[in-house]
Protein backbone atom coordinates (compact mmCIF):
# COMPACT_ATOMS: atom_id res chain seq x y z
CA UNK A 1 0.00 0.00 0.00
CA UNK A 2 1.37 3.40 -0.99
CA UNK A 3 1.36 5.86 1.94
CA UNK A 4 2.71 9.20 0.67
CA UNK A 5 2.50 11.05 4.02
CA UNK A 6 4.96 8.57 5.57
CA UNK A 7 7.44 8.71 2.72
CA UNK A 8 10.43 10.98 3.16
CA UNK A 9 12.80 11.96 0.38
CA UNK A 10 16.26 10.65 1.03
CA UNK A 11 19.23 12.97 0.84
CA UNK A 12 22.96 12.61 1.10
CA UNK A 13 25.27 14.62 3.34
CA UNK A 14 27.01 17.64 1.85
CA UNK A 15 30.50 17.04 0.54
CA UNK A 16 33.19 18.98 -1.29
CA UNK A 17 33.27 16.56 -4.20
CA UNK A 18 30.22 14.96 -5.82
CA UNK A 19 30.32 11.85 -7.98
CA UNK A 20 27.10 12.79 -9.78
CA UNK A 21 25.10 15.85 -10.76
CA UNK A 22 22.76 16.57 -7.80
CA UNK A 23 20.18 18.39 -9.96
CA UNK A 24 16.91 16.38 -10.04
CA UNK A 25 15.97 14.94 -13.43
CA UNK A 26 12.66 13.46 -14.53
CA UNK A 27 9.47 12.78 -12.65
CA UNK A 28 9.28 11.94 -8.95
CA UNK A 29 8.63 8.24 -8.33
CA UNK A 30 7.80 6.35 -5.15
CA UNK A 31 10.03 3.51 -4.03
CA UNK A 32 8.20 0.89 -2.00
CA UNK A 33 9.10 -2.73 -1.33
CA UNK A 34 5.76 -4.02 -2.62
CA UNK A 35 5.55 -1.76 -5.68
CA UNK A 36 7.37 -4.16 -8.01
CA UNK A 37 7.46 -7.35 -5.95
CA UNK A 38 4.95 -9.77 -4.47
CA UNK A 39 5.66 -10.07 -0.72
CA UNK A 40 5.39 -13.39 1.12
CA UNK A 41 5.65 -13.90 4.89
CA UNK A 42 6.90 -17.15 6.38
CA UNK A 43 7.08 -17.75 10.12
CA UNK A 44 8.40 -20.69 12.08
CA UNK A 45 5.73 -22.32 14.29
CA UNK A 46 8.13 -22.47 17.23
CA UNK A 47 8.70 -18.70 17.03
CA UNK A 48 4.99 -17.96 16.88
CA UNK A 49 4.26 -20.22 19.87
CA UNK A 50 7.04 -18.59 21.91
CA UNK A 51 5.74 -15.08 21.13
CA UNK A 52 2.17 -16.15 21.98
CA UNK A 53 3.24 -17.70 25.30
CA UNK A 54 5.22 -14.57 26.20
CA UNK A 55 2.20 -12.36 25.40
CA UNK A 56 -0.12 -14.52 27.52
CA UNK A 57 2.28 -14.43 30.51
CA UNK A 58 2.80 -10.67 30.33
CA UNK A 59 0.51 -8.78 32.70
CA UNK A 60 0.68 -5.57 30.64
CA UNK A 61 -1.80 -5.04 27.82
CA UNK A 62 0.93 -3.53 25.62
CA UNK A 63 4.51 -4.73 25.55
CA UNK A 64 7.49 -4.57 23.20
CA UNK A 65 9.32 -7.45 21.58
CA UNK A 66 11.33 -8.24 18.45
CA UNK A 67 10.69 -10.71 15.67
CA UNK A 68 13.90 -11.37 13.74
CA UNK A 69 14.39 -12.96 10.37
CA UNK A 70 15.70 -12.64 6.85
CA UNK A 71 14.49 -10.89 3.73
CA UNK A 72 15.29 -12.54 0.40
CA UNK A 73 14.40 -11.97 -3.24
CA UNK A 74 12.87 -15.06 -4.86
CA UNK A 75 14.88 -16.89 -7.53
CA UNK A 76 12.59 -15.68 -10.31
CA UNK A 77 13.05 -12.08 -9.16
CA UNK A 78 9.29 -11.53 -8.99
CA UNK A 79 8.74 -11.73 -5.24
CA UNK A 80 10.33 -11.28 -1.85
CA UNK A 81 10.08 -13.57 1.15
CA UNK A 82 10.35 -12.43 4.76
CA UNK A 83 11.18 -15.44 6.93
CA UNK A 84 10.75 -14.81 10.65
CA UNK A 85 12.59 -17.43 12.68
CA UNK A 86 13.52 -15.82 16.01
CA UNK A 87 11.70 -14.14 18.88
CA UNK A 88 13.36 -11.75 21.32
CA UNK A 89 11.25 -10.49 24.24
CA UNK A 90 13.60 -7.55 24.79
CA UNK A 91 14.28 -6.04 28.17
CA UNK A 92 11.87 -4.58 30.67
CA UNK A 93 12.63 -0.90 31.31
PDB file of N, CA and C in Angstrom:
ATOM      1  N   UNK A   1       0.845  -1.177   0.000  1.00  0.00           N
ATOM      2  CA  UNK A   1       0.000   0.000   0.000  1.00  0.00           C
ATOM      3  C   UNK A   1       0.883   1.229   0.000  1.00  0.00           C
ATOM      4  N   UNK A   2       0.593   2.176  -0.857  1.00  0.00           N
ATOM      5  CA  UNK A   2       1.370   3.400  -0.989  1.00  0.00           C
ATOM      6  C   UNK A   2       0.872   4.433   0.016  1.00  0.00           C
ATOM      7  N   UNK A   3       1.736   4.886   0.914  1.00  0.00           N
ATOM      8  CA  UNK A   3       1.359   5.857   1.941  1.00  0.00           C
ATOM      9  C   UNK A   3       2.252   7.086   1.788  1.00  0.00           C
ATOM     10  N   UNK A   4       1.829   8.070   0.962  1.00  0.00           N
ATOM     11  CA  UNK A   4       2.709   9.204   0.668  1.00  0.00           C
ATOM     12  C   UNK A   4       3.063  10.066   1.873  1.00  0.00           C
ATOM     13  N   UNK A   5       2.182  10.191   2.887  1.00  0.00           N
ATOM     14  CA  UNK A   5       2.501  11.051   4.018  1.00  0.00           C
ATOM     15  C   UNK A   5       3.601  10.472   4.896  1.00  0.00           C
ATOM     16  N   UNK A   6       3.884   9.176   4.799  1.00  0.00           N
ATOM     17  CA  UNK A   6       4.964   8.567   5.573  1.00  0.00           C
ATOM     18  C   UNK A   6       6.279   8.540   4.811  1.00  0.00           C
ATOM     19  N   UNK A   7       6.221   8.794   3.527  1.00  0.00           N
ATOM     20  CA  UNK A   7       7.436   8.714   2.720  1.00  0.00           C
ATOM     21  C   UNK A   7       8.242   9.993   2.877  1.00  0.00           C
ATOM     22  N   UNK A   8       9.540   9.844   3.006  1.00  0.00           N
ATOM     23  CA  UNK A   8      10.429  10.976   3.157  1.00  0.00           C
ATOM     24  C   UNK A   8      11.481  10.902   2.056  1.00  0.00           C
ATOM     25  N   UNK A   9      11.757  12.022   1.404  1.00  0.00           N
ATOM     26  CA  UNK A   9      12.803  11.962   0.381  1.00  0.00           C
ATOM     27  C   UNK A   9      14.158  11.710   1.033  1.00  0.00           C
ATOM     28  N   UNK A  10      14.970  10.871   0.413  1.00  0.00           N
ATOM     29  CA  UNK A  10      16.264  10.652   1.025  1.00  0.00           C
ATOM     30  C   UNK A  10      17.271  11.617   0.430  1.00  0.00           C
ATOM     31  N   UNK A  11      18.218  12.016   1.266  1.00  0.00           N
ATOM     32  CA  UNK A  11      19.230  12.966   0.837  1.00  0.00           C
ATOM     33  C   UNK A  11      20.585  12.490   1.353  1.00  0.00           C
ATOM     34  N   UNK A  12      21.613  13.003   0.739  1.00  0.00           N
ATOM     35  CA  UNK A  12      22.964  12.611   1.098  1.00  0.00           C
ATOM     36  C   UNK A  12      23.651  13.790   1.777  1.00  0.00           C
ATOM     37  N   UNK A  13      24.587  13.508   2.668  1.00  0.00           N
ATOM     38  CA  UNK A  13      25.272  14.621   3.338  1.00  0.00           C
ATOM     39  C   UNK A  13      26.074  15.469   2.344  1.00  0.00           C
ATOM     40  N   UNK A  14      26.237  16.738   2.694  1.00  0.00           N
ATOM     41  CA  UNK A  14      27.006  17.642   1.847  1.00  0.00           C
ATOM     42  C   UNK A  14      28.467  17.205   1.816  1.00  0.00           C
ATOM     43  N   UNK A  15      29.081  17.356   0.659  1.00  0.00           N
ATOM     44  CA  UNK A  15      30.503  17.035   0.537  1.00  0.00           C
ATOM     45  C   UNK A  15      31.150  18.017  -0.425  1.00  0.00           C
ATOM     46  N   UNK A  16      32.464  18.066  -0.409  1.00  0.00           N
ATOM     47  CA  UNK A  16      33.193  18.982  -1.292  1.00  0.00           C
ATOM     48  C   UNK A  16      33.233  18.464  -2.719  1.00  0.00           C
ATOM     49  N   UNK A  17      33.159  17.165  -2.884  1.00  0.00           N
ATOM     50  CA  UNK A  17      33.269  16.561  -4.203  1.00  0.00           C
ATOM     51  C   UNK A  17      32.090  15.622  -4.430  1.00  0.00           C
ATOM     52  N   UNK A  18      31.363  15.824  -5.524  1.00  0.00           N
ATOM     53  CA  UNK A  18      30.218  14.956  -5.818  1.00  0.00           C
ATOM     54  C   UNK A  18      30.557  14.039  -6.986  1.00  0.00           C
ATOM     55  N   UNK A  19      30.068  12.806  -6.907  1.00  0.00           N
ATOM     56  CA  UNK A  19      30.316  11.850  -7.981  1.00  0.00           C
ATOM     57  C   UNK A  19      29.228  11.896  -9.045  1.00  0.00           C
ATOM     58  N   UNK A  20      28.187  12.669  -8.819  1.00  0.00           N
ATOM     59  CA  UNK A  20      27.098  12.788  -9.782  1.00  0.00           C
ATOM     60  C   UNK A  20      26.523  14.191  -9.702  1.00  0.00           C
ATOM     61  N   UNK A  21      25.757  14.552 -10.702  1.00  0.00           N
ATOM     62  CA  UNK A  21      25.103  15.850 -10.758  1.00  0.00           C
ATOM     63  C   UNK A  21      23.894  15.806  -9.822  1.00  0.00           C
ATOM     64  N   UNK A  22      23.836  16.649  -8.773  1.00  0.00           N
ATOM     65  CA  UNK A  22      22.761  16.574  -7.800  1.00  0.00           C
ATOM     66  C   UNK A  22      21.436  17.189  -8.262  1.00  0.00           C
ATOM     67  N   UNK A  23      21.404  17.769  -9.464  1.00  0.00           N
ATOM     68  CA  UNK A  23      20.177  18.394  -9.956  1.00  0.00           C
ATOM     69  C   UNK A  23      19.164  17.301 -10.298  1.00  0.00           C
ATOM     70  N   UNK A  24      17.928  17.395  -9.741  1.00  0.00           N
ATOM     71  CA  UNK A  24      16.913  16.376 -10.036  1.00  0.00           C
ATOM     72  C   UNK A  24      16.563  16.332 -11.522  1.00  0.00           C
ATOM     73  N   UNK A  25      16.353  15.113 -12.028  1.00  0.00           N
ATOM     74  CA  UNK A  25      15.970  14.938 -13.434  1.00  0.00           C
ATOM     75  C   UNK A  25      14.758  14.016 -13.502  1.00  0.00           C
ATOM     76  N   UNK A  26      13.807  14.336 -14.336  1.00  0.00           N
ATOM     77  CA  UNK A  26      12.663  13.457 -14.533  1.00  0.00           C
ATOM     78  C   UNK A  26      11.587  13.625 -13.482  1.00  0.00           C
ATOM     79  N   UNK A  27      10.608  12.738 -13.558  1.00  0.00           N
ATOM     80  CA  UNK A  27       9.472  12.781 -12.647  1.00  0.00           C
ATOM     81  C   UNK A  27       9.819  12.122 -11.312  1.00  0.00           C
ATOM     82  N   UNK A  28       9.117  12.531 -10.269  1.00  0.00           N
ATOM     83  CA  UNK A  28       9.277  11.939  -8.954  1.00  0.00           C
ATOM     84  C   UNK A  28       8.575  10.584  -8.954  1.00  0.00           C
ATOM     85  N   UNK A  29       9.235   9.567  -8.429  1.00  0.00           N
ATOM     86  CA  UNK A  29       8.625   8.243  -8.331  1.00  0.00           C
ATOM     87  C   UNK A  29       8.708   7.772  -6.891  1.00  0.00           C
ATOM     88  N   UNK A  30       7.774   6.926  -6.493  1.00  0.00           N
ATOM     89  CA  UNK A  30       7.800   6.346  -5.154  1.00  0.00           C
ATOM     90  C   UNK A  30       8.555   5.028  -5.186  1.00  0.00           C
ATOM     91  N   UNK A  31       9.292   4.770  -4.137  1.00  0.00           N
ATOM     92  CA  UNK A  31      10.027   3.512  -4.035  1.00  0.00           C
ATOM     93  C   UNK A  31       9.493   2.761  -2.827  1.00  0.00           C
ATOM     94  N   UNK A  32       8.793   1.672  -3.078  1.00  0.00           N
ATOM     95  CA  UNK A  32       8.205   0.888  -1.997  1.00  0.00           C
ATOM     96  C   UNK A  32       8.485  -0.576  -2.261  1.00  0.00           C
ATOM     97  N   UNK A  33       8.702  -1.333  -1.206  1.00  0.00           N
ATOM     98  CA  UNK A  33       9.104  -2.733  -1.333  1.00  0.00           C
ATOM     99  C   UNK A  33       8.067  -3.570  -2.073  1.00  0.00           C
ATOM    100  N   UNK A  34       6.793  -3.216  -1.964  1.00  0.00           N
ATOM    101  CA  UNK A  34       5.755  -4.017  -2.616  1.00  0.00           C
ATOM    102  C   UNK A  34       5.317  -3.441  -3.959  1.00  0.00           C
ATOM    103  N   UNK A  35       5.962  -2.381  -4.420  1.00  0.00           N
ATOM    104  CA  UNK A  35       5.551  -1.761  -5.679  1.00  0.00           C
ATOM    105  C   UNK A  35       5.825  -2.671  -6.868  1.00  0.00           C
ATOM    106  N   UNK A  36       6.995  -3.286  -6.897  1.00  0.00           N
ATOM    107  CA  UNK A  36       7.374  -4.161  -8.011  1.00  0.00           C
ATOM    108  C   UNK A  36       7.421  -5.632  -7.647  1.00  0.00           C
ATOM    109  N   UNK A  37       7.291  -5.967  -6.387  1.00  0.00           N
ATOM    110  CA  UNK A  37       7.459  -7.348  -5.953  1.00  0.00           C
ATOM    111  C   UNK A  37       6.239  -7.848  -5.194  1.00  0.00           C
ATOM    112  N   UNK A  38       6.025  -9.144  -5.229  1.00  0.00           N
ATOM    113  CA  UNK A  38       4.946  -9.772  -4.470  1.00  0.00           C
ATOM    114  C   UNK A  38       5.513 -10.261  -3.144  1.00  0.00           C
ATOM    115  N   UNK A  39       5.107  -9.658  -2.014  1.00  0.00           N
ATOM    116  CA  UNK A  39       5.661 -10.069  -0.721  1.00  0.00           C
ATOM    117  C   UNK A  39       5.029 -11.363  -0.207  1.00  0.00           C
ATOM    118  N   UNK A  40       5.847 -12.146   0.496  1.00  0.00           N
ATOM    119  CA  UNK A  40       5.388 -13.390   1.118  1.00  0.00           C
ATOM    120  C   UNK A  40       5.991 -13.440   2.524  1.00  0.00           C
ATOM    121  N   UNK A  41       5.189 -13.814   3.511  1.00  0.00           N
ATOM    122  CA  UNK A  41       5.652 -13.900   4.885  1.00  0.00           C
ATOM    123  C   UNK A  41       5.655 -15.357   5.318  1.00  0.00           C
ATOM    124  N   UNK A  42       6.773 -15.791   5.887  1.00  0.00           N
ATOM    125  CA  UNK A  42       6.905 -17.155   6.382  1.00  0.00           C
ATOM    126  C   UNK A  42       7.380 -17.061   7.826  1.00  0.00           C
ATOM    127  N   UNK A  43       6.718 -17.812   8.716  1.00  0.00           N
ATOM    128  CA  UNK A  43       7.085 -17.745  10.122  1.00  0.00           C
ATOM    129  C   UNK A  43       7.161 -19.145  10.703  1.00  0.00           C
ATOM    130  N   UNK A  44       8.218 -19.397  11.444  1.00  0.00           N
ATOM    131  CA  UNK A  44       8.396 -20.692  12.082  1.00  0.00           C
ATOM    132  C   UNK A  44       7.342 -20.866  13.177  1.00  0.00           C
ATOM    133  N   UNK A  45       6.763 -22.051  13.287  1.00  0.00           N
ATOM    134  CA  UNK A  45       5.729 -22.315  14.288  1.00  0.00           C
ATOM    135  C   UNK A  45       6.278 -22.137  15.704  1.00  0.00           C
ATOM    136  N   UNK A  46       7.503 -22.578  15.915  1.00  0.00           N
ATOM    137  CA  UNK A  46       8.133 -22.468  17.234  1.00  0.00           C
ATOM    138  C   UNK A  46       8.225 -20.998  17.665  1.00  0.00           C
ATOM    139  N   UNK A  47       8.585 -20.128  16.740  1.00  0.00           N
ATOM    140  CA  UNK A  47       8.700 -18.701  17.032  1.00  0.00           C
ATOM    141  C   UNK A  47       7.348 -18.101  17.381  1.00  0.00           C
ATOM    142  N   UNK A  48       6.332 -18.466  16.620  1.00  0.00           N
ATOM    143  CA  UNK A  48       4.986 -17.963  16.877  1.00  0.00           C
ATOM    144  C   UNK A  48       4.471 -18.436  18.234  1.00  0.00           C
ATOM    145  N   UNK A  49       4.698 -19.699  18.570  1.00  0.00           N
ATOM    146  CA  UNK A  49       4.256 -20.223  19.866  1.00  0.00           C
ATOM    147  C   UNK A  49       4.973 -19.530  21.025  1.00  0.00           C
ATOM    148  N   UNK A  50       6.268 -19.267  20.872  1.00  0.00           N
ATOM    149  CA  UNK A  50       7.042 -18.591  21.909  1.00  0.00           C
ATOM    150  C   UNK A  50       6.531 -17.165  22.118  1.00  0.00           C
ATOM    151  N   UNK A  51       6.266 -16.447  21.030  1.00  0.00           N
ATOM    152  CA  UNK A  51       5.737 -15.080  21.132  1.00  0.00           C
ATOM    153  C   UNK A  51       4.352 -15.086  21.779  1.00  0.00           C
ATOM    154  N   UNK A  52       3.518 -16.044  21.409  1.00  0.00           N
ATOM    155  CA  UNK A  52       2.174 -16.151  21.977  1.00  0.00           C
ATOM    156  C   UNK A  52       2.233 -16.431  23.478  1.00  0.00           C
ATOM    157  N   UNK A  53       3.098 -17.358  23.877  1.00  0.00           N
ATOM    158  CA  UNK A  53       3.240 -17.698  25.296  1.00  0.00           C
ATOM    159  C   UNK A  53       3.737 -16.483  26.088  1.00  0.00           C
ATOM    160  N   UNK A  54       4.691 -15.754  25.531  1.00  0.00           N
ATOM    161  CA  UNK A  54       5.216 -14.574  26.200  1.00  0.00           C
ATOM    162  C   UNK A  54       4.115 -13.521  26.370  1.00  0.00           C
ATOM    163  N   UNK A  55       3.282 -13.340  25.343  1.00  0.00           N
ATOM    164  CA  UNK A  55       2.195 -12.360  25.402  1.00  0.00           C
ATOM    165  C   UNK A  55       1.157 -12.756  26.455  1.00  0.00           C
ATOM    166  N   UNK A  56       0.860 -14.043  26.542  1.00  0.00           N
ATOM    167  CA  UNK A  56      -0.122 -14.519  27.520  1.00  0.00           C
ATOM    168  C   UNK A  56       0.386 -14.346  28.955  1.00  0.00           C
ATOM    169  N   UNK A  57       1.702 -14.521  29.173  1.00  0.00           N
ATOM    170  CA  UNK A  57       2.277 -14.428  30.514  1.00  0.00           C
ATOM    171  C   UNK A  57       2.515 -12.986  30.947  1.00  0.00           C
ATOM    172  N   UNK A  58       2.529 -12.074  30.013  1.00  0.00           N
ATOM    173  CA  UNK A  58       2.800 -10.672  30.328  1.00  0.00           C
ATOM    174  C   UNK A  58       1.541 -10.035  30.910  1.00  0.00           C
ATOM    175  N   UNK A  59       1.679  -9.384  32.059  1.00  0.00           N
ATOM    176  CA  UNK A  59       0.507  -8.784  32.698  1.00  0.00           C
ATOM    177  C   UNK A  59       0.109  -7.446  32.071  1.00  0.00           C
ATOM    178  N   UNK A  60       1.007  -6.823  31.316  1.00  0.00           N
ATOM    179  CA  UNK A  60       0.676  -5.566  30.639  1.00  0.00           C
ATOM    180  C   UNK A  60      -0.156  -5.848  29.388  1.00  0.00           C
ATOM    181  N   UNK A  61      -1.014  -4.893  29.048  1.00  0.00           N
ATOM    182  CA  UNK A  61      -1.797  -5.044  27.816  1.00  0.00           C
ATOM    183  C   UNK A  61      -0.918  -4.791  26.595  1.00  0.00           C
ATOM    184  N   UNK A  62       0.006  -3.838  26.710  1.00  0.00           N
ATOM    185  CA  UNK A  62       0.930  -3.529  25.623  1.00  0.00           C
ATOM    186  C   UNK A  62       2.353  -3.827  26.077  1.00  0.00           C
ATOM    187  N   UNK A  63       3.111  -4.463  25.234  1.00  0.00           N
ATOM    188  CA  UNK A  63       4.508  -4.729  25.546  1.00  0.00           C
ATOM    189  C   UNK A  63       5.306  -4.736  24.247  1.00  0.00           C
ATOM    190  N   UNK A  64       6.610  -4.601  24.361  1.00  0.00           N
ATOM    191  CA  UNK A  64       7.487  -4.571  23.196  1.00  0.00           C
ATOM    192  C   UNK A  64       8.250  -5.875  23.073  1.00  0.00           C
ATOM    193  N   UNK A  65       8.505  -6.275  21.848  1.00  0.00           N
ATOM    194  CA  UNK A  65       9.319  -7.455  21.579  1.00  0.00           C
ATOM    195  C   UNK A  65       9.878  -7.321  20.167  1.00  0.00           C
ATOM    196  N   UNK A  66      10.728  -8.248  19.783  1.00  0.00           N
ATOM    197  CA  UNK A  66      11.327  -8.236  18.452  1.00  0.00           C
ATOM    198  C   UNK A  66      11.086  -9.570  17.769  1.00  0.00           C
ATOM    199  N   UNK A  67      10.742  -9.526  16.514  1.00  0.00           N
ATOM    200  CA  UNK A  67      10.689 -10.714  15.668  1.00  0.00           C
ATOM    201  C   UNK A  67      11.806 -10.538  14.659  1.00  0.00           C
ATOM    202  N   UNK A  68      12.719 -11.492  14.597  1.00  0.00           N
ATOM    203  CA  UNK A  68      13.899 -11.371  13.740  1.00  0.00           C
ATOM    204  C   UNK A  68      13.851 -12.397  12.622  1.00  0.00           C
ATOM    205  N   UNK A  69      14.387 -12.038  11.494  1.00  0.00           N
ATOM    206  CA  UNK A  69      14.387 -12.962  10.373  1.00  0.00           C
ATOM    207  C   UNK A  69      15.224 -12.452   9.217  1.00  0.00           C
ATOM    208  N   UNK A  70      14.953 -13.002   8.049  1.00  0.00           N
ATOM    209  CA  UNK A  70      15.702 -12.636   6.853  1.00  0.00           C
ATOM    210  C   UNK A  70      14.753 -12.237   5.730  1.00  0.00           C
ATOM    211  N   UNK A  71      15.236 -11.347   4.894  1.00  0.00           N
ATOM    212  CA  UNK A  71      14.486 -10.891   3.729  1.00  0.00           C
ATOM    213  C   UNK A  71      15.260 -11.328   2.498  1.00  0.00           C
ATOM    214  N   UNK A  72      14.592 -12.028   1.582  1.00  0.00           N
ATOM    215  CA  UNK A  72      15.287 -12.541   0.402  1.00  0.00           C
ATOM    216  C   UNK A  72      14.420 -12.339  -0.844  1.00  0.00           C
ATOM    217  N   UNK A  73      15.081 -12.063  -1.953  1.00  0.00           N
ATOM    218  CA  UNK A  73      14.400 -11.966  -3.239  1.00  0.00           C
ATOM    219  C   UNK A  73      14.283 -13.379  -3.798  1.00  0.00           C
ATOM    220  N   UNK A  74      13.097 -13.734  -4.289  1.00  0.00           N
ATOM    221  CA  UNK A  74      12.873 -15.061  -4.855  1.00  0.00           C
ATOM    222  C   UNK A  74      13.756 -15.285  -6.081  1.00  0.00           C
ATOM    223  N   UNK A  75      14.000 -16.544  -6.402  1.00  0.00           N
ATOM    224  CA  UNK A  75      14.882 -16.885  -7.527  1.00  0.00           C
ATOM    225  C   UNK A  75      14.407 -16.294  -8.848  1.00  0.00           C
ATOM    226  N   UNK A  76      13.102 -16.229  -9.052  1.00  0.00           N
ATOM    227  CA  UNK A  76      12.591 -15.685 -10.311  1.00  0.00           C
ATOM    228  C   UNK A  76      12.619 -14.154 -10.340  1.00  0.00           C
ATOM    229  N   UNK A  77      12.948 -13.529  -9.225  1.00  0.00           N
ATOM    230  CA  UNK A  77      13.048 -12.078  -9.161  1.00  0.00           C
ATOM    231  C   UNK A  77      11.706 -11.374  -9.072  1.00  0.00           C
ATOM    232  N   UNK A  78      10.624 -12.121  -8.992  1.00  0.00           N
ATOM    233  CA  UNK A  78       9.288 -11.534  -8.986  1.00  0.00           C
ATOM    234  C   UNK A  78       8.744 -11.265  -7.590  1.00  0.00           C
ATOM    235  N   UNK A  79       9.280 -11.896  -6.583  1.00  0.00           N
ATOM    236  CA  UNK A  79       8.742 -11.727  -5.244  1.00  0.00           C
ATOM    237  C   UNK A  79       9.834 -11.648  -4.203  1.00  0.00           C
ATOM    238  N   UNK A  80       9.423 -11.290  -2.997  1.00  0.00           N
ATOM    239  CA  UNK A  80      10.330 -11.278  -1.855  1.00  0.00           C
ATOM    240  C   UNK A  80       9.711 -12.122  -0.750  1.00  0.00           C
ATOM    241  N   UNK A  81      10.549 -12.744   0.045  1.00  0.00           N
ATOM    242  CA  UNK A  81      10.083 -13.572   1.150  1.00  0.00           C
ATOM    243  C   UNK A  81      10.725 -13.089   2.440  1.00  0.00           C
ATOM    244  N   UNK A  82       9.890 -12.780   3.419  1.00  0.00           N
ATOM    245  CA  UNK A  82      10.354 -12.432   4.755  1.00  0.00           C
ATOM    246  C   UNK A  82      10.145 -13.663   5.622  1.00  0.00           C
ATOM    247  N   UNK A  83      11.246 -14.247   6.090  1.00  0.00           N
ATOM    248  CA  UNK A  83      11.183 -15.444   6.925  1.00  0.00           C
ATOM    249  C   UNK A  83      11.524 -15.054   8.356  1.00  0.00           C
ATOM    250  N   UNK A  84      10.542 -15.145   9.242  1.00  0.00           N
ATOM    251  CA  UNK A  84      10.748 -14.810  10.655  1.00  0.00           C
ATOM    252  C   UNK A  84      11.022 -16.102  11.403  1.00  0.00           C
ATOM    253  N   UNK A  85      12.210 -16.176  12.031  1.00  0.00           N
ATOM    254  CA  UNK A  85      12.589 -17.427  12.682  1.00  0.00           C
ATOM    255  C   UNK A  85      13.066 -17.254  14.125  1.00  0.00           C
ATOM    256  N   UNK A  86      13.080 -16.030  14.633  1.00  0.00           N
ATOM    257  CA  UNK A  86      13.520 -15.824  16.011  1.00  0.00           C
ATOM    258  C   UNK A  86      12.636 -14.812  16.733  1.00  0.00           C
ATOM    259  N   UNK A  87      12.470 -15.030  18.026  1.00  0.00           N
ATOM    260  CA  UNK A  87      11.703 -14.135  18.878  1.00  0.00           C
ATOM    261  C   UNK A  87      12.598 -13.644  19.999  1.00  0.00           C
ATOM    262  N   UNK A  88      12.590 -12.330  20.233  1.00  0.00           N
ATOM    263  CA  UNK A  88      13.362 -11.746  21.323  1.00  0.00           C
ATOM    264  C   UNK A  88      12.408 -10.886  22.156  1.00  0.00           C
ATOM    265  N   UNK A  89      12.176 -11.267  23.416  1.00  0.00           N
ATOM    266  CA  UNK A  89      11.250 -10.491  24.238  1.00  0.00           C
ATOM    267  C   UNK A  89      11.769  -9.105  24.620  1.00  0.00           C
ATOM    268  N   UNK A  90      13.031  -8.844  24.416  1.00  0.00           N
ATOM    269  CA  UNK A  90      13.596  -7.545  24.790  1.00  0.00           C
ATOM    270  C   UNK A  90      13.818  -7.460  26.279  1.00  0.00           C
ATOM    271  N   UNK A  91      14.049  -6.254  26.738  1.00  0.00           N
ATOM    272  CA  UNK A  91      14.277  -6.036  28.167  1.00  0.00           C
ATOM    273  C   UNK A  91      13.180  -5.173  28.744  1.00  0.00           C
ATOM    274  N   UNK A  92      12.847  -5.429  29.978  1.00  0.00           N
ATOM    275  CA  UNK A  92      11.873  -4.575  30.671  1.00  0.00           C
ATOM    276  C   UNK A  92      12.604  -3.329  31.142  1.00  0.00           C
ATOM    277  N   UNK A  93      11.995  -2.176  30.924  1.00  0.00           N
ATOM    278  CA  UNK A  93      12.635  -0.904  31.306  1.00  0.00           C
ATOM    279  C   UNK A  93      12.365  -0.559  32.747  1.00  0.00           C
TER     280      UNK A  93
END
